[in-house]
N, C-alpha and C. Protein backbone atom coordinates (compact mmCIF):
# COMPACT_ATOMS: atom_id res chain seq x y z
N UNK A 1 -22.61 62.71 -36.36
CA UNK A 1 -23.03 64.06 -36.96
C UNK A 1 -21.82 65.03 -37.43
N UNK A 2 -21.69 65.49 -38.76
CA UNK A 2 -20.11 66.31 -39.02
C UNK A 2 -19.36 67.11 -37.99
N UNK A 3 -18.35 67.17 -38.37
CA UNK A 3 -17.57 68.47 -37.46
C UNK A 3 -18.10 69.86 -37.77
N UNK A 4 -17.37 70.90 -36.59
CA UNK A 4 -18.04 72.02 -37.24
C UNK A 4 -16.94 72.57 -37.69
N UNK A 5 -17.08 73.38 -39.01
CA UNK A 5 -15.82 74.07 -39.46
C UNK A 5 -16.13 75.51 -39.38
N UNK A 6 -14.69 75.85 -39.11
CA UNK A 6 -14.34 77.14 -38.34
C UNK A 6 -13.95 78.02 -39.74
N UNK A 7 -14.40 79.36 -39.75
CA UNK A 7 -14.53 80.30 -40.60
C UNK A 7 -12.63 80.84 -40.77
N UNK A 8 -12.57 80.21 -42.15
CA UNK A 8 -10.67 80.54 -41.86
C UNK A 8 -10.61 82.23 -42.06
N UNK A 9 -11.31 82.67 -42.85
CA UNK A 9 -11.02 84.87 -42.47
C UNK A 9 -10.54 84.90 -41.19
N UNK A 10 -11.89 84.57 -40.08
CA UNK A 10 -11.67 85.01 -38.91
C UNK A 10 -10.36 84.25 -37.96
N UNK A 11 -10.24 83.15 -38.22
CA UNK A 11 -9.20 82.41 -37.98
C UNK A 11 -7.73 83.03 -38.19
N UNK A 12 -7.42 83.47 -39.39
CA UNK A 12 -6.75 85.07 -39.66
C UNK A 12 -6.51 85.97 -39.20
N UNK A 13 -7.47 86.56 -38.84
CA UNK A 13 -7.55 87.81 -37.83
C UNK A 13 -7.48 88.41 -36.70
N UNK A 14 -7.95 86.73 -35.86
CA UNK A 14 -8.19 87.05 -34.52
C UNK A 14 -7.51 85.58 -34.00
N UNK A 15 -6.88 86.50 -32.34
CA UNK A 15 -5.80 85.22 -31.49
C UNK A 15 -6.48 85.30 -30.17
N UNK A 16 -6.72 83.76 -29.61
CA UNK A 16 -6.57 84.20 -28.08
C UNK A 16 -5.51 84.34 -27.41
N UNK A 17 -5.34 85.43 -26.41
CA UNK A 17 -4.77 85.62 -25.24
C UNK A 17 -4.24 84.75 -24.33
N UNK A 18 -3.23 84.72 -23.42
CA UNK A 18 -3.48 84.22 -22.43
C UNK A 18 -4.49 84.14 -21.54
N UNK A 19 -4.90 85.18 -21.39
CA UNK A 19 -6.22 85.34 -20.18
C UNK A 19 -7.28 85.01 -21.19
N UNK A 20 -7.64 84.84 -22.13
CA UNK A 20 -8.55 84.11 -22.58
C UNK A 20 -9.12 84.97 -23.66
N UNK A 21 -8.46 86.27 -23.88
CA UNK A 21 -9.66 87.55 -24.63
C UNK A 21 -8.94 87.52 -26.17
N UNK A 22 -9.89 87.47 -27.01
CA UNK A 22 -9.51 87.60 -28.21
C UNK A 22 -8.53 89.11 -28.31
N UNK A 23 -8.12 89.11 -29.39
CA UNK A 23 -6.84 89.57 -29.83
C UNK A 23 -6.92 90.17 -31.42
N UNK A 24 -7.13 91.32 -31.95
CA UNK A 24 -7.51 92.11 -33.00
C UNK A 24 -6.40 92.71 -33.30
N UNK A 25 -5.92 93.11 -35.12
CA UNK A 25 -5.33 94.06 -35.19
C UNK A 25 -6.04 95.17 -35.25
N UNK A 26 -5.35 96.60 -35.47
CA UNK A 26 -6.62 97.63 -35.93
C UNK A 26 -6.58 97.90 -37.44
N UNK A 27 -7.28 98.89 -37.78
CA UNK A 27 -7.63 98.55 -38.90
C UNK A 27 -7.02 100.10 -39.43
N UNK A 28 -7.14 100.81 -40.86
CA UNK A 28 -6.34 101.82 -41.09
C UNK A 28 -5.31 102.18 -41.01
N UNK A 29 -4.31 101.08 -41.38
CA UNK A 29 -2.85 101.12 -41.59
C UNK A 29 -2.48 100.65 -42.76
N UNK A 30 -3.02 100.50 -43.68
CA UNK A 30 -2.83 99.77 -45.16
C UNK A 30 -2.23 100.94 -45.93
N UNK A 31 -2.87 101.87 -46.33
CA UNK A 31 -2.90 103.16 -47.39
C UNK A 31 -3.16 104.41 -46.94
N UNK A 32 -3.11 105.53 -47.30
CA UNK A 32 -2.93 106.81 -47.71
C UNK A 32 -2.49 107.00 -45.41
N UNK A 33 -1.33 107.05 -45.82
CA UNK A 33 -0.47 106.85 -44.91
C UNK A 33 -0.15 108.55 -44.42
N UNK A 34 -0.34 109.12 -45.20
CA UNK A 34 0.52 110.73 -45.48
C UNK A 34 -0.27 111.39 -44.17
N UNK A 35 -1.43 111.67 -44.49
CA UNK A 35 -2.56 112.56 -44.09
C UNK A 35 -2.08 112.22 -42.28
N UNK A 36 -1.49 110.69 -42.28
CA UNK A 36 -2.17 110.72 -40.52
C UNK A 36 -0.39 110.87 -39.53
N UNK A 37 -1.03 111.23 -38.53
CA UNK A 37 0.25 111.46 -37.50
C UNK A 37 1.17 110.43 -36.96
N UNK A 38 2.38 110.57 -37.00
CA UNK A 38 3.32 109.44 -36.82
C UNK A 38 2.75 108.92 -35.42
N UNK A 39 2.44 109.56 -34.26
CA UNK A 39 1.80 109.08 -33.37
C UNK A 39 0.56 108.28 -33.50
N UNK A 40 -0.51 108.47 -34.43
CA UNK A 40 -1.38 107.57 -35.07
C UNK A 40 -1.06 106.28 -35.35
N UNK A 41 0.16 106.37 -36.36
CA UNK A 41 0.24 105.20 -36.84
C UNK A 41 0.82 104.26 -36.12
N UNK A 42 1.68 105.02 -34.97
CA UNK A 42 2.34 103.95 -34.07
C UNK A 42 1.01 103.39 -32.98
N UNK A 43 0.48 104.53 -32.47
CA UNK A 43 -0.75 103.18 -32.32
C UNK A 43 -1.50 102.20 -32.71
N UNK A 44 -1.80 102.29 -33.92
CA UNK A 44 -2.55 101.58 -35.19
C UNK A 44 -1.53 99.61 -34.71
N UNK A 45 -0.27 100.23 -34.22
CA UNK A 45 1.06 98.80 -34.47
C UNK A 45 0.22 98.25 -33.95
N UNK A 46 -0.02 98.46 -32.51
CA UNK A 46 -0.31 97.52 -31.67
C UNK A 46 -2.14 96.74 -31.26
N UNK A 47 -1.71 95.46 -30.89
CA UNK A 47 -3.35 95.09 -31.27
C UNK A 47 -4.12 95.40 -30.31
N UNK A 48 -5.02 95.06 -29.93
CA UNK A 48 -6.31 95.45 -29.54
C UNK A 48 -6.97 94.06 -28.92
N UNK A 49 -7.82 94.33 -28.17
CA UNK A 49 -8.88 93.00 -27.33
C UNK A 49 -9.97 93.52 -28.11
N UNK A 50 -10.45 92.88 -28.80
CA UNK A 50 -11.59 92.84 -29.07
C UNK A 50 -13.39 93.07 -28.46
N UNK A 51 -14.22 93.91 -28.00
CA UNK A 51 -14.82 94.77 -28.18
C UNK A 51 -15.94 93.04 -27.71
N UNK A 52 -16.27 93.70 -25.95
CA UNK A 52 -17.59 91.72 -25.78
C UNK A 52 -18.85 92.05 -26.51
N UNK A 53 -19.20 92.99 -27.36
CA UNK A 53 -20.17 92.40 -27.89
C UNK A 53 -20.04 91.56 -29.11
N UNK A 54 -18.50 91.59 -29.31
CA UNK A 54 -18.88 90.92 -30.67
C UNK A 54 -18.09 89.23 -30.34
N UNK A 55 -17.74 89.35 -29.02
CA UNK A 55 -16.75 87.97 -28.75
C UNK A 55 -17.37 86.92 -29.01
N UNK A 56 -19.19 86.97 -28.44
CA UNK A 56 -19.86 85.71 -28.64
C UNK A 56 -20.36 85.45 -29.94
N UNK A 57 -19.88 85.91 -30.86
CA UNK A 57 -20.57 85.78 -32.52
C UNK A 57 -18.81 84.99 -32.87
N UNK A 58 -17.86 85.80 -32.33
CA UNK A 58 -16.51 85.24 -32.64
C UNK A 58 -16.33 84.17 -32.36
N UNK A 59 -16.78 83.91 -31.06
CA UNK A 59 -16.61 81.98 -30.40
C UNK A 59 -17.36 81.57 -31.10
N UNK A 60 -18.26 81.35 -32.10
CA UNK A 60 -19.54 81.05 -32.60
C UNK A 60 -19.17 80.63 -33.78
N UNK A 61 -18.18 81.15 -34.25
CA UNK A 61 -17.99 81.40 -35.98
C UNK A 61 -16.06 80.32 -35.63
N UNK A 62 -15.75 80.75 -34.39
CA UNK A 62 -14.49 79.88 -34.22
C UNK A 62 -14.27 78.56 -33.29
N UNK A 63 -15.33 77.73 -33.52
CA UNK A 63 -15.79 76.98 -32.29
C UNK A 63 -14.23 75.92 -31.79
N UNK A 64 -13.22 75.75 -31.98
CA UNK A 64 -12.29 75.03 -31.61
C UNK A 64 -11.18 76.22 -31.27
N UNK A 65 -10.89 77.51 -31.23
CA UNK A 65 -10.39 78.43 -30.60
C UNK A 65 -10.12 78.31 -29.38
């Protein structure tokens, strides 16, 4: 049986934390930053925990995570 392939785009976007949770970076930080407040941009820097509804799908497309 062939080995399962990891989805490379997902592997670059998600990491596993020490507790086993999926960590992702927040969106809306790449452009059109002038209208966003400093507080909002500062909060976008911090990584976030992936929502539980998406975790099952992410683990399926990244079997060796």
